Amino acid sequence: MRARMRRMLTGDFTVKRVAAMRPHIEELVGGFLDEMISAGAPTDLVRAYALPVPSLVISLLLGVPYADHEFFQKHSNTLISITTPLDEKTAARSALFGYVLELVARKERDPGDDLISRLLAERVATGELSREDVAMNSMILLFAGHETTANMIALSTLTLLRNPEQAARIRDTDDPATAANAVEELLRYLTIAQDKINRVATEDLTIGGQQVRAGDLLTVSLSAANRDPSFLDHPDVLDITRETRGHLAFGNGAHQCLGQQLARAELQIALPALFRGIPGLRLAIPFEDVMFRHDMSAYGVHELPVTW
């Protein structure tokens, strides 16, 4: 079922489809950046920029009213917190599912130009999917589509502020290839999906001299793989000019992130726009006081006070 559902969703996340979305993403990014500048410094970059950009993009793609973003962000944070009790996670999951299921019913009555409406017309109407299938997968996309990218924008900004010569390379060029390469290196360097990844071996193999049998459970570390010296030289150094093709920030094979092209586009647009729009951007607090998300499965910062 998972593989079949993935195939049904792939069309909305292709390189071509995402490329067509770029002008709209640029418009959204410019709007949030103007609002942040108009409001004045200091501000929390997470709340003012890093979180709204991907939240609005995925909301528009799915057909979710952006006015409800605080509702799904609140419950999303509950789900990814590693310290939240199980009963609270269950309640949050139930609330999110109920919300999206009701949205699916509204889309069935009044369809729009969005992913949920297309699934209803093309898959539910033919009996391939149930309304519950659409709601569950839309909930997953809504959750994953804003949480990880928001953390990546904020953490990348912090990393570039700590590496001003790298930030200058992004700020001082209009070359899209430079921004694209910088994003790939930041993805590799930060690897925010740091929670354990469980996989089952499908055949006998040897890893690092250790015999693994078909059916064995493996726990994989994407961040360790991305900083493996056998992958590239000086892996603990950020270098946005280097070739990082083959990194595993989005996973690999059949389990690769479905929305990786959309995430790339958002990062390639949001980061250069931020450093060009506010060339004097800097931390408003000492680095030692930044609140990192050690209590969340998706790494990042809880807030990022900045000024200019």
Protein backbone atom coordinates (compact mmCIF):
# COMPACT_ATOMS: atom_id res chain seq x y z
CA MET A 1 0.00 0.00 0.00
CA ARG A 2 2.79 2.43 0.91
CA ALA A 3 4.61 1.97 -2.42
CA ARG A 4 1.34 2.30 -4.36
CA MET A 5 0.42 5.47 -2.48
CA ARG A 6 3.86 6.90 -3.11
CA ARG A 7 3.45 6.38 -6.86
CA MET A 8 0.14 8.22 -6.76
CA LEU A 9 1.74 11.22 -5.05
CA THR A 10 4.99 11.39 -7.01
CA GLY A 11 3.52 13.48 -9.83
CA ASP A 12 3.02 16.48 -7.52
CA PHE A 13 6.67 16.47 -6.42
CA THR A 14 8.60 16.01 -9.67
CA VAL A 15 11.40 18.34 -10.71
CA LYS A 16 9.18 19.75 -13.46
CA ARG A 17 6.21 20.38 -11.14
CA VAL A 18 8.42 22.01 -8.50
CA ALA A 19 10.13 24.18 -11.13
CA ALA A 20 6.70 25.51 -12.10
CA MET A 21 6.10 26.40 -8.44
CA ARG A 22 9.34 28.38 -8.03
CA PRO A 23 7.95 31.81 -9.05
CA HIS A 24 5.17 31.43 -6.50
CA ILE A 25 7.65 30.34 -3.80
CA GLU A 26 9.81 33.37 -4.63
CA GLU A 27 6.77 35.61 -4.20
CA LEU A 28 5.92 34.07 -0.83
CA VAL A 29 9.51 34.32 0.39
CA GLY A 30 9.69 37.97 -0.65
CA GLY A 31 6.45 38.70 1.18
CA PHE A 32 7.56 37.14 4.46
CA LEU A 33 10.97 38.80 4.18
CA ASP A 34 9.37 42.23 3.65
CA GLU A 35 7.08 41.67 6.64
CA MET A 36 10.02 40.70 8.84
CA ILE A 37 12.04 43.76 7.80
CA SER A 38 9.04 46.07 8.27
CA ALA A 39 8.39 44.71 11.77
CA GLY A 40 11.96 45.57 12.67
CA ALA A 41 14.72 43.95 14.67
CA PRO A 42 15.23 41.97 16.78
CA THR A 43 12.97 39.10 15.84
CA ASP A 44 12.74 35.33 16.05
CA LEU A 45 13.70 34.06 12.61
CA VAL A 46 11.86 30.76 13.19
CA ARG A 47 8.47 32.40 13.78
CA ALA A 48 8.94 35.25 11.30
CA TYR A 49 10.50 33.42 8.35
CA ALA A 50 11.75 29.84 8.64
CA LEU A 51 8.41 28.37 9.72
CA PRO A 52 5.91 30.43 7.66
CA VAL A 53 7.61 29.84 4.29
CA PRO A 54 7.34 26.02 4.10
CA SER A 55 4.08 26.02 6.07
CA LEU A 56 2.37 28.19 3.47
CA VAL A 57 3.90 26.31 0.53
CA ILE A 58 2.74 22.88 1.72
CA SER A 59 -0.65 24.34 2.73
CA LEU A 60 -1.19 25.70 -0.77
CA LEU A 61 -0.06 22.45 -2.36
CA LEU A 62 -2.47 20.36 -0.27
CA GLY A 63 -5.28 22.89 -0.14
CA VAL A 64 -5.04 23.39 3.63
CA PRO A 65 -6.11 26.86 4.87
CA TYR A 66 -2.98 28.64 6.11
CA ALA A 67 -5.11 30.25 8.79
CA ASP A 68 -5.04 26.85 10.55
CA HIS A 69 -1.24 26.61 10.59
CA GLU A 70 -0.91 27.20 14.33
CA PHE A 71 -3.23 24.23 14.96
CA PHE A 72 -1.19 21.74 12.93
CA GLN A 73 2.16 23.17 14.09
CA LYS A 74 1.14 22.72 17.72
CA HIS A 75 0.15 19.08 17.21
CA SER A 76 3.14 18.39 14.95
CA ASN A 77 5.50 19.55 17.70
CA THR A 78 3.77 17.18 20.11
CA LEU A 79 4.27 14.25 17.73
CA ILE A 80 7.99 14.80 17.14
CA SER A 81 8.89 15.57 20.75
CA ILE A 82 10.85 12.69 22.25
CA THR A 83 9.75 13.67 25.76
CA THR A 84 5.99 13.86 25.20
CA PRO A 85 3.99 11.04 26.88
CA LEU A 86 2.39 8.46 24.58
CA ASP A 87 -1.17 9.44 25.48
CA GLU A 88 -0.49 13.05 24.44
CA LYS A 89 1.02 11.91 21.15
CA THR A 90 -2.02 9.73 20.51
CA ALA A 91 -4.34 12.67 21.21
CA ALA A 92 -2.34 14.94 18.88
CA ARG A 93 -2.38 12.35 16.09
CA SER A 94 -6.12 11.90 16.52
CA ALA A 95 -6.71 15.67 16.43
CA LEU A 96 -4.66 16.09 13.25
CA PHE A 97 -6.33 13.16 11.52
CA GLY A 98 -9.78 14.42 12.47
CA TYR A 99 -8.95 17.86 11.11
CA VAL A 100 -7.66 16.55 7.77
CA LEU A 101 -10.55 14.07 7.42
CA GLU A 102 -13.01 16.93 7.81
CA LEU A 103 -11.00 18.93 5.25
CA VAL A 104 -11.23 16.00 2.82
CA ALA A 105 -15.02 16.06 3.20
CA ARG A 106 -15.06 19.80 2.45
CA LYS A 107 -12.86 19.29 -0.63
CA GLU A 108 -15.22 16.61 -1.87
CA ARG A 109 -18.08 19.08 -1.72
CA ASP A 110 -16.09 22.04 -3.01
CA PRO A 111 -12.92 20.90 -4.85
CA GLY A 112 -10.04 23.22 -5.68
CA ASP A 113 -6.75 23.15 -7.56
CA ASP A 114 -4.83 21.18 -4.94
CA LEU A 115 -3.46 17.74 -4.17
CA ILE A 116 -6.33 16.61 -1.92
CA SER A 117 -8.91 17.55 -4.55
CA ARG A 118 -6.96 15.71 -7.26
CA LEU A 119 -6.71 12.56 -5.16
CA LEU A 120 -10.45 12.67 -4.50
CA ALA A 121 -11.27 13.10 -8.18
CA GLU A 122 -8.69 10.69 -9.60
CA ARG A 123 -8.35 8.01 -6.93
CA VAL A 124 -11.25 8.03 -4.49
CA ALA A 125 -13.87 8.33 -7.22
CA THR A 126 -12.41 5.24 -8.92
CA GLY A 127 -12.27 3.23 -5.70
CA GLU A 128 -8.46 3.04 -5.62
CA LEU A 129 -8.31 4.95 -2.34
CA SER A 130 -10.64 5.63 0.56
CA ARG A 131 -11.22 9.06 2.05
CA GLU A 132 -9.33 7.86 5.12
CA ASP A 133 -6.32 6.96 2.92
CA VAL A 134 -6.31 10.49 1.50
CA ALA A 135 -6.63 12.04 4.96
CA MET A 136 -3.85 9.94 6.50
CA ASN A 137 -1.35 10.61 3.71
CA SER A 138 -2.26 14.29 3.54
CA MET A 139 -1.64 14.52 7.28
CA ILE A 140 1.80 12.96 6.83
CA LEU A 141 2.66 15.37 3.99
CA LEU A 142 1.39 18.35 5.97
CA PHE A 143 3.49 17.34 8.96
CA ALA A 144 6.65 16.47 7.04
CA GLY A 145 6.29 19.27 4.51
CA HIS A 146 6.74 22.14 6.94
CA GLU A 147 8.55 20.76 9.97
CA THR A 148 11.77 19.53 8.38
CA THR A 149 12.21 22.39 5.92
CA ALA A 150 11.52 25.01 8.60
CA ASN A 151 14.22 23.51 10.78
CA MET A 152 16.59 23.35 7.82
CA ILE A 153 16.09 27.04 6.97
CA ALA A 154 16.70 28.13 10.57
CA LEU A 155 19.66 25.85 11.22
CA SER A 156 21.23 26.71 7.84
CA THR A 157 20.91 30.40 8.67
CA LEU A 158 22.62 29.87 12.01
CA THR A 159 25.37 27.82 10.37
CA LEU A 160 25.99 30.48 7.72
CA LEU A 161 26.07 33.22 10.37
CA ARG A 162 28.81 31.18 12.04
CA ASN A 163 30.61 30.89 8.69
CA PRO A 164 30.40 34.44 7.25
CA GLU A 165 32.74 33.74 4.33
CA GLN A 166 30.38 31.00 3.17
CA ALA A 167 27.36 33.26 3.63
CA ALA A 168 29.08 35.91 1.50
CA ARG A 169 29.37 33.46 -1.39
CA ILE A 170 25.60 32.99 -1.37
CA ARG A 171 24.81 36.68 -0.83
CA ASP A 172 27.15 38.09 -3.48
CA THR A 173 26.15 36.00 -6.50
CA ASP A 174 23.03 35.57 -8.60
CA ASP A 175 24.23 32.22 -9.92
CA PRO A 176 21.52 29.60 -9.20
CA ALA A 177 24.15 26.84 -9.34
CA THR A 178 26.01 28.40 -6.42
CA ALA A 179 22.87 28.43 -4.27
CA ALA A 180 21.98 24.89 -5.32
CA ASN A 181 25.44 23.57 -4.43
CA ALA A 182 25.41 25.45 -1.13
CA VAL A 183 22.07 23.86 -0.21
CA GLU A 184 23.40 20.36 -0.96
CA GLU A 185 26.41 20.93 1.29
CA LEU A 186 24.23 22.33 4.07
CA LEU A 187 21.92 19.32 3.77
CA ARG A 188 24.90 17.01 4.07
CA TYR A 189 26.60 18.96 6.83
CA LEU A 190 23.51 19.35 9.03
CA THR A 191 21.50 16.18 8.25
CA ILE A 192 18.59 17.24 10.45
CA ALA A 193 16.83 13.84 10.25
CA GLN A 194 18.96 12.55 13.09
CA ASP A 195 16.53 10.12 14.67
CA LYS A 196 17.37 6.45 14.26
CA ILE A 197 16.40 4.94 10.92
CA ASN A 198 15.38 1.27 11.09
CA ARG A 199 15.71 -0.98 8.07
CA VAL A 200 15.47 -4.74 7.51
CA ALA A 201 18.15 -6.50 5.45
CA THR A 202 16.65 -8.18 2.38
CA GLU A 203 19.73 -10.34 1.75
CA ASP A 204 22.88 -11.55 3.48
CA LEU A 205 25.69 -8.99 3.45
CA THR A 206 28.75 -7.77 5.32
CA ILE A 207 28.99 -4.22 6.71
CA GLY A 208 32.24 -3.06 8.29
CA GLY A 209 33.32 -6.65 8.80
CA GLN A 210 30.05 -7.53 10.52
CA GLN A 211 27.94 -10.32 9.03
CA VAL A 212 24.30 -9.35 8.50
CA ARG A 213 21.65 -11.93 7.66
CA ALA A 214 18.52 -11.41 5.60
CA GLY A 215 15.76 -10.38 7.99
CA ASP A 216 18.11 -8.71 10.51
CA LEU A 217 17.08 -5.30 11.82
CA LEU A 218 19.57 -2.50 11.14
CA THR A 219 19.63 0.93 12.76
CA VAL A 220 21.11 3.44 10.34
CA SER A 221 22.60 6.88 11.07
CA LEU A 222 22.25 9.26 8.12
CA SER A 223 24.33 11.94 9.82
CA ALA A 224 27.21 9.50 10.41
CA ALA A 225 27.09 8.42 6.76
CA ASN A 226 27.17 12.04 5.59
CA ARG A 227 30.25 12.70 7.70
CA ASP A 228 32.08 9.52 6.79
CA PRO A 229 35.68 10.33 5.73
CA SER A 230 35.40 7.66 3.04
CA PHE A 231 32.62 9.74 1.45
CA LEU A 232 34.56 13.01 1.28
CA ASP A 233 37.63 14.70 2.75
CA HIS A 234 37.32 16.85 5.90
CA PRO A 235 33.63 15.98 6.43
CA ASP A 236 33.35 18.10 9.59
CA VAL A 237 34.15 21.26 7.62
CA LEU A 238 31.43 23.25 5.86
CA ASP A 239 32.45 23.98 2.25
CA ILE A 240 29.63 25.10 -0.02
CA THR A 241 31.90 24.94 -3.08
CA ARG A 242 32.53 21.20 -2.87
CA GLU A 243 30.73 18.41 -4.71
CA THR A 244 28.46 16.54 -2.29
CA ARG A 245 26.42 14.48 -4.73
CA GLY A 246 25.46 11.20 -3.10
CA HIS A 247 24.74 12.53 0.40
CA LEU A 248 21.97 10.83 2.34
CA ALA A 249 20.13 13.77 3.90
CA PHE A 250 16.96 12.64 2.09
CA GLY A 251 17.56 8.93 2.57
CA ASN A 252 18.16 6.55 -0.31
CA GLY A 253 16.44 4.15 -2.67
CA ALA A 254 12.77 3.38 -2.21
CA HIS A 255 12.74 5.30 1.08
CA GLN A 256 13.99 8.63 -0.29
CA CYS A 257 12.04 11.69 0.83
CA LEU A 258 9.11 12.23 -1.52
CA GLY A 259 9.26 16.01 -1.16
CA GLN A 260 13.01 16.46 -1.56
CA GLN A 261 12.74 18.54 -4.75
CA LEU A 262 10.27 20.90 -3.09
CA ALA A 263 12.51 21.22 -0.02
CA ARG A 264 15.50 21.98 -2.25
CA ALA A 265 13.59 24.70 -4.09
CA GLU A 266 12.45 26.33 -0.84
CA LEU A 267 15.98 26.34 0.55
CA GLN A 268 17.56 27.57 -2.69
CA ILE A 269 15.14 30.50 -2.70
CA ALA A 270 14.80 31.32 1.02
CA LEU A 271 18.47 31.37 2.03
CA PRO A 272 19.89 33.67 -0.70
CA ALA A 273 16.87 35.98 -0.37
CA LEU A 274 17.44 36.30 3.37
CA PHE A 275 21.16 37.13 3.18
CA ARG A 276 20.69 39.51 0.24
CA GLY A 277 17.67 41.19 1.79
CA ILE A 278 19.34 41.68 5.17
CA PRO A 279 23.12 41.84 4.53
CA GLY A 280 23.76 42.87 8.13
CA LEU A 281 21.92 39.89 9.63
CA ARG A 282 23.46 38.62 12.86
CA LEU A 283 22.56 36.74 16.03
CA ALA A 284 20.82 38.81 18.68
CA ILE A 285 22.03 36.53 21.48
CA PRO A 286 25.30 34.71 22.22
CA PHE A 287 25.61 31.45 20.28
CA GLU A 288 25.81 29.60 23.59
CA ASP A 289 22.26 30.73 24.41
CA VAL A 290 20.65 29.33 21.25
CA MET A 291 18.03 26.70 22.15
CA PHE A 292 18.68 23.60 20.05
CA ARG A 293 16.00 20.95 19.50
CA HIS A 294 17.71 18.10 21.31
CA ASP A 295 14.26 16.99 22.47
CA MET A 296 12.89 16.58 18.94
CA SER A 297 13.38 13.90 16.30
CA ALA A 298 13.97 16.59 13.65
CA TYR A 299 17.02 18.60 14.69
CA GLY A 300 17.05 22.38 14.57
CA VAL A 301 16.49 25.31 16.90
CA HIS A 302 13.39 26.17 18.91
CA GLU A 303 13.92 29.84 18.16
CA LEU A 304 16.61 31.97 16.53
CA PRO A 305 16.75 35.58 17.78
CA VAL A 306 18.36 37.75 15.10
CA THR A 307 18.96 41.44 14.50
CA TRP A 308 20.48 43.68 11.83
